[in-house]
N, C-alpha and C. Protein backbone atom coordinates (compact mmCIF):
# COMPACT_ATOMS: atom_id res chain seq x y z
N MET A 1 0.84 -1.20 -0.01
CA MET A 1 0.02 0.00 -0.01
C MET A 1 0.92 1.26 0.01
N GLU A 2 0.58 2.19 -0.86
CA GLU A 2 1.35 3.40 -1.01
C GLU A 2 0.95 4.43 0.01
N THR A 3 1.98 5.00 0.68
CA THR A 3 1.73 6.05 1.70
C THR A 3 1.75 7.42 0.98
N LYS A 4 0.75 8.19 1.27
CA LYS A 4 0.71 9.58 0.68
C LYS A 4 1.54 10.47 1.51
N ASP A 5 2.29 11.31 0.84
CA ASP A 5 3.07 12.28 1.58
C ASP A 5 2.24 13.44 2.12
N ILE A 6 2.36 13.64 3.32
CA ILE A 6 1.60 14.74 4.00
C ILE A 6 2.60 15.66 4.60
N ASP A 7 2.51 16.92 4.20
CA ASP A 7 3.35 17.99 4.73
C ASP A 7 2.79 18.49 6.09
N GLN A 8 3.53 18.13 7.14
CA GLN A 8 3.06 18.44 8.48
C GLN A 8 2.82 20.01 8.67
N ALA A 9 3.72 20.80 8.21
CA ALA A 9 3.63 22.26 8.35
C ALA A 9 2.39 22.78 7.64
N GLU A 10 2.21 22.28 6.37
CA GLU A 10 1.11 22.72 5.58
C GLU A 10 -0.22 22.24 6.19
N LEU A 11 -0.21 21.02 6.75
CA LEU A 11 -1.36 20.52 7.45
C LEU A 11 -1.77 21.39 8.66
N VAL A 12 -0.73 21.75 9.45
CA VAL A 12 -0.98 22.54 10.59
C VAL A 12 -1.57 23.92 10.17
N SER A 13 -0.99 24.50 9.20
CA SER A 13 -1.50 25.80 8.64
C SER A 13 -2.92 25.69 8.21
N LYS A 14 -3.30 24.59 7.55
CA LYS A 14 -4.70 24.46 7.06
C LYS A 14 -5.64 24.26 8.28
N ILE A 15 -5.21 23.55 9.31
CA ILE A 15 -6.00 23.39 10.49
C ILE A 15 -6.19 24.72 11.18
N ILE A 16 -5.11 25.53 11.24
CA ILE A 16 -5.24 26.81 11.86
C ILE A 16 -6.26 27.70 11.06
N ASP A 17 -6.20 27.64 9.72
CA ASP A 17 -7.15 28.35 8.89
C ASP A 17 -8.57 28.00 9.30
N VAL A 18 -8.82 26.77 9.50
CA VAL A 18 -10.16 26.26 9.85
C VAL A 18 -10.59 26.85 11.28
N ILE A 19 -9.63 26.78 12.19
CA ILE A 19 -9.90 27.28 13.60
C ILE A 19 -10.21 28.75 13.52
N VAL A 20 -9.46 29.50 12.67
CA VAL A 20 -9.68 30.96 12.56
C VAL A 20 -11.07 31.21 12.01
N ALA A 21 -11.42 30.50 10.89
CA ALA A 21 -12.65 30.72 10.18
C ALA A 21 -13.87 30.27 10.98
N GLU A 22 -13.86 29.04 11.50
CA GLU A 22 -14.94 28.48 12.24
C GLU A 22 -15.09 29.03 13.68
N GLY A 23 -13.97 29.30 14.37
CA GLY A 23 -13.99 29.85 15.71
C GLY A 23 -14.12 31.35 15.73
N MET A 24 -14.01 31.98 14.54
CA MET A 24 -14.10 33.38 14.42
C MET A 24 -13.14 34.10 15.39
N VAL A 25 -11.86 33.67 15.25
CA VAL A 25 -10.79 34.28 16.12
C VAL A 25 -9.75 34.88 15.19
N ASP A 26 -9.04 35.87 15.74
CA ASP A 26 -7.97 36.47 14.96
C ASP A 26 -6.80 35.44 14.79
N ARG A 27 -6.27 35.39 13.64
CA ARG A 27 -5.17 34.41 13.35
C ARG A 27 -4.00 34.67 14.31
N GLU A 28 -3.72 35.95 14.60
CA GLU A 28 -2.60 36.26 15.48
C GLU A 28 -2.71 35.62 16.90
N LYS A 29 -3.98 35.43 17.29
CA LYS A 29 -4.26 34.80 18.64
C LYS A 29 -4.07 33.30 18.59
N VAL A 30 -4.11 32.70 17.45
CA VAL A 30 -4.08 31.28 17.40
C VAL A 30 -2.61 30.82 17.37
N THR A 31 -2.03 30.80 18.59
CA THR A 31 -0.62 30.39 18.71
C THR A 31 -0.68 28.98 19.39
N MET A 32 0.43 28.25 19.27
CA MET A 32 0.47 26.92 19.84
C MET A 32 0.24 26.88 21.35
N ASP A 33 0.66 27.96 22.04
CA ASP A 33 0.51 27.97 23.49
C ASP A 33 -0.79 28.67 23.97
N ALA A 34 -1.57 29.11 23.03
CA ALA A 34 -2.90 29.73 23.37
C ALA A 34 -3.84 28.61 23.88
N THR A 35 -4.52 28.90 24.98
CA THR A 35 -5.49 28.00 25.46
C THR A 35 -6.82 28.08 24.70
N ILE A 36 -7.57 26.98 24.71
CA ILE A 36 -8.87 27.04 24.08
C ILE A 36 -9.77 28.13 24.74
N GLU A 37 -9.63 28.17 26.10
CA GLU A 37 -10.37 29.17 26.85
C GLU A 37 -9.96 30.62 26.47
N SER A 38 -8.69 30.87 26.30
CA SER A 38 -8.24 32.19 25.93
C SER A 38 -8.73 32.68 24.56
N LEU A 39 -9.02 31.69 23.68
CA LEU A 39 -9.56 32.03 22.38
C LEU A 39 -11.15 32.10 22.51
N ASP A 40 -11.67 31.90 23.64
CA ASP A 40 -13.09 31.94 23.93
C ASP A 40 -13.85 30.96 23.03
N LEU A 41 -13.26 29.78 22.81
CA LEU A 41 -13.93 28.77 22.08
C LEU A 41 -14.74 27.82 22.94
N LYS A 42 -16.01 27.70 22.64
CA LYS A 42 -16.96 26.86 23.43
C LYS A 42 -17.01 25.51 22.79
N SER A 43 -17.69 24.60 23.44
CA SER A 43 -17.86 23.21 22.93
C SER A 43 -18.46 23.25 21.52
N ILE A 44 -19.47 24.11 21.28
CA ILE A 44 -20.11 24.18 19.97
C ILE A 44 -19.10 24.66 18.90
N ASP A 45 -18.17 25.56 19.29
CA ASP A 45 -17.14 26.00 18.37
C ASP A 45 -16.22 24.84 17.92
N ILE A 46 -15.85 24.05 18.94
CA ILE A 46 -14.94 22.89 18.66
C ILE A 46 -15.70 21.91 17.73
N VAL A 47 -16.98 21.66 17.96
CA VAL A 47 -17.76 20.83 17.07
C VAL A 47 -17.76 21.37 15.65
N MET A 48 -17.99 22.72 15.50
CA MET A 48 -18.02 23.30 14.15
C MET A 48 -16.61 23.19 13.53
N ILE A 49 -15.58 23.35 14.29
CA ILE A 49 -14.22 23.27 13.77
C ILE A 49 -13.99 21.83 13.27
N LEU A 50 -14.38 20.86 14.11
CA LEU A 50 -14.13 19.46 13.72
C LEU A 50 -14.94 19.04 12.51
N THR A 51 -16.18 19.56 12.45
CA THR A 51 -17.01 19.32 11.21
C THR A 51 -16.41 19.89 9.99
N ALA A 52 -15.89 21.11 10.13
CA ALA A 52 -15.22 21.75 8.95
C ALA A 52 -13.96 20.99 8.57
N ILE A 53 -13.24 20.46 9.53
CA ILE A 53 -12.01 19.68 9.33
C ILE A 53 -12.43 18.44 8.52
N GLU A 54 -13.53 17.81 8.94
CA GLU A 54 -14.00 16.58 8.24
C GLU A 54 -14.26 16.94 6.76
N ASP A 55 -14.93 18.01 6.53
CA ASP A 55 -15.32 18.45 5.15
C ASP A 55 -14.01 18.77 4.36
N LYS A 56 -13.09 19.53 4.88
CA LYS A 56 -11.90 19.99 4.23
C LYS A 56 -10.96 18.82 3.90
N PHE A 57 -10.81 17.88 4.80
CA PHE A 57 -9.85 16.80 4.63
C PHE A 57 -10.48 15.45 4.24
N ASP A 58 -11.80 15.44 4.09
CA ASP A 58 -12.47 14.18 3.76
C ASP A 58 -12.18 13.05 4.69
N VAL A 59 -12.34 13.32 6.00
CA VAL A 59 -12.11 12.26 7.00
C VAL A 59 -13.32 12.31 7.95
N TYR A 60 -13.47 11.21 8.63
CA TYR A 60 -14.47 11.12 9.71
C TYR A 60 -13.81 11.35 11.01
N ILE A 61 -14.24 12.30 11.78
CA ILE A 61 -13.65 12.53 13.08
C ILE A 61 -14.70 12.17 14.18
N PRO A 62 -14.33 11.23 15.02
CA PRO A 62 -15.27 10.85 16.09
C PRO A 62 -15.43 12.01 17.12
N MET A 63 -16.67 12.30 17.43
CA MET A 63 -16.83 13.48 18.34
C MET A 63 -16.49 13.13 19.79
N ASP A 64 -16.26 11.88 20.06
CA ASP A 64 -15.84 11.45 21.44
C ASP A 64 -14.32 11.29 21.50
N GLY A 65 -13.63 11.77 20.51
CA GLY A 65 -12.18 11.53 20.54
C GLY A 65 -11.40 12.44 21.45
N PRO A 66 -10.07 12.47 21.38
CA PRO A 66 -9.26 13.26 22.19
C PRO A 66 -9.36 14.78 22.00
N PHE A 67 -10.10 15.08 20.92
CA PHE A 67 -10.11 16.49 20.47
C PHE A 67 -10.86 17.37 21.51
N HIS A 68 -11.80 16.80 22.17
CA HIS A 68 -12.56 17.61 23.13
C HIS A 68 -11.85 17.82 24.50
N ASP A 69 -10.82 16.97 24.68
CA ASP A 69 -10.03 17.11 25.88
C ASP A 69 -8.91 18.08 25.81
N ALA A 70 -8.67 18.60 24.55
CA ALA A 70 -7.62 19.52 24.27
C ALA A 70 -7.77 20.82 25.11
N LYS A 71 -6.70 21.24 25.81
CA LYS A 71 -6.77 22.48 26.57
C LYS A 71 -6.12 23.63 25.93
N ASP A 72 -5.22 23.33 24.96
CA ASP A 72 -4.60 24.40 24.24
C ASP A 72 -4.55 24.06 22.73
N VAL A 73 -4.18 25.06 21.95
CA VAL A 73 -4.17 24.96 20.51
C VAL A 73 -3.24 23.88 20.03
N LYS A 74 -2.09 23.76 20.60
CA LYS A 74 -1.13 22.75 20.24
C LYS A 74 -1.68 21.36 20.37
N SER A 75 -2.28 21.06 21.54
CA SER A 75 -2.85 19.67 21.68
C SER A 75 -4.05 19.45 20.79
N LEU A 76 -4.81 20.43 20.50
CA LEU A 76 -5.89 20.30 19.58
C LEU A 76 -5.40 20.01 18.16
N ILE A 77 -4.45 20.78 17.72
CA ILE A 77 -3.86 20.64 16.37
C ILE A 77 -3.15 19.29 16.23
N ASP A 78 -2.35 18.94 17.32
CA ASP A 78 -1.67 17.71 17.30
C ASP A 78 -2.60 16.47 17.14
N ALA A 79 -3.71 16.58 17.88
CA ALA A 79 -4.66 15.45 17.89
C ALA A 79 -5.30 15.40 16.50
N ILE A 80 -5.71 16.51 15.97
CA ILE A 80 -6.39 16.56 14.60
C ILE A 80 -5.40 16.09 13.60
N ALA A 81 -4.14 16.63 13.57
CA ALA A 81 -3.17 16.32 12.51
C ALA A 81 -2.83 14.87 12.57
N ALA A 82 -2.59 14.28 13.81
CA ALA A 82 -2.28 12.84 13.94
C ALA A 82 -3.40 12.04 13.34
N TYR A 83 -4.61 12.43 13.65
CA TYR A 83 -5.82 11.66 13.15
C TYR A 83 -5.87 11.61 11.63
N ILE A 84 -5.69 12.86 11.03
CA ILE A 84 -5.78 13.01 9.61
C ILE A 84 -4.66 12.20 8.95
N ILE A 85 -3.46 12.29 9.51
CA ILE A 85 -2.36 11.52 8.89
C ILE A 85 -2.62 10.04 8.99
N LYS A 86 -3.13 9.57 10.16
CA LYS A 86 -3.50 8.18 10.33
C LYS A 86 -4.48 7.69 9.27
N GLU A 87 -5.52 8.59 9.13
CA GLU A 87 -6.57 8.18 8.15
C GLU A 87 -6.08 8.19 6.72
N LYS A 88 -5.29 9.13 6.41
CA LYS A 88 -4.93 9.32 4.99
C LYS A 88 -3.76 8.42 4.58
N THR A 89 -3.09 7.78 5.58
CA THR A 89 -1.98 6.87 5.23
C THR A 89 -2.34 5.47 5.51
N ALA A 90 -3.57 5.21 6.05
CA ALA A 90 -3.97 3.87 6.32
C ALA A 90 -4.32 3.07 5.12
């Protein structure tokens, strides 16, 4: 089975784009050490972000996954990126 090359930096940038658009937050505020709380993202915002990620990357993201436990942007992006990479290279 052939593994698709996935550019981690490009993937992170695209995930940040979705967080900015769906969470309606300034891109400058979306730093790796920013907390979900500091961005004023609520549970519904996270659901909207995950739904948009599903659409953008054509993957299914379980809503009970580690994504909802993320406390900061880095852990949220890491969880999403790892999941996308796993799905796209499986």
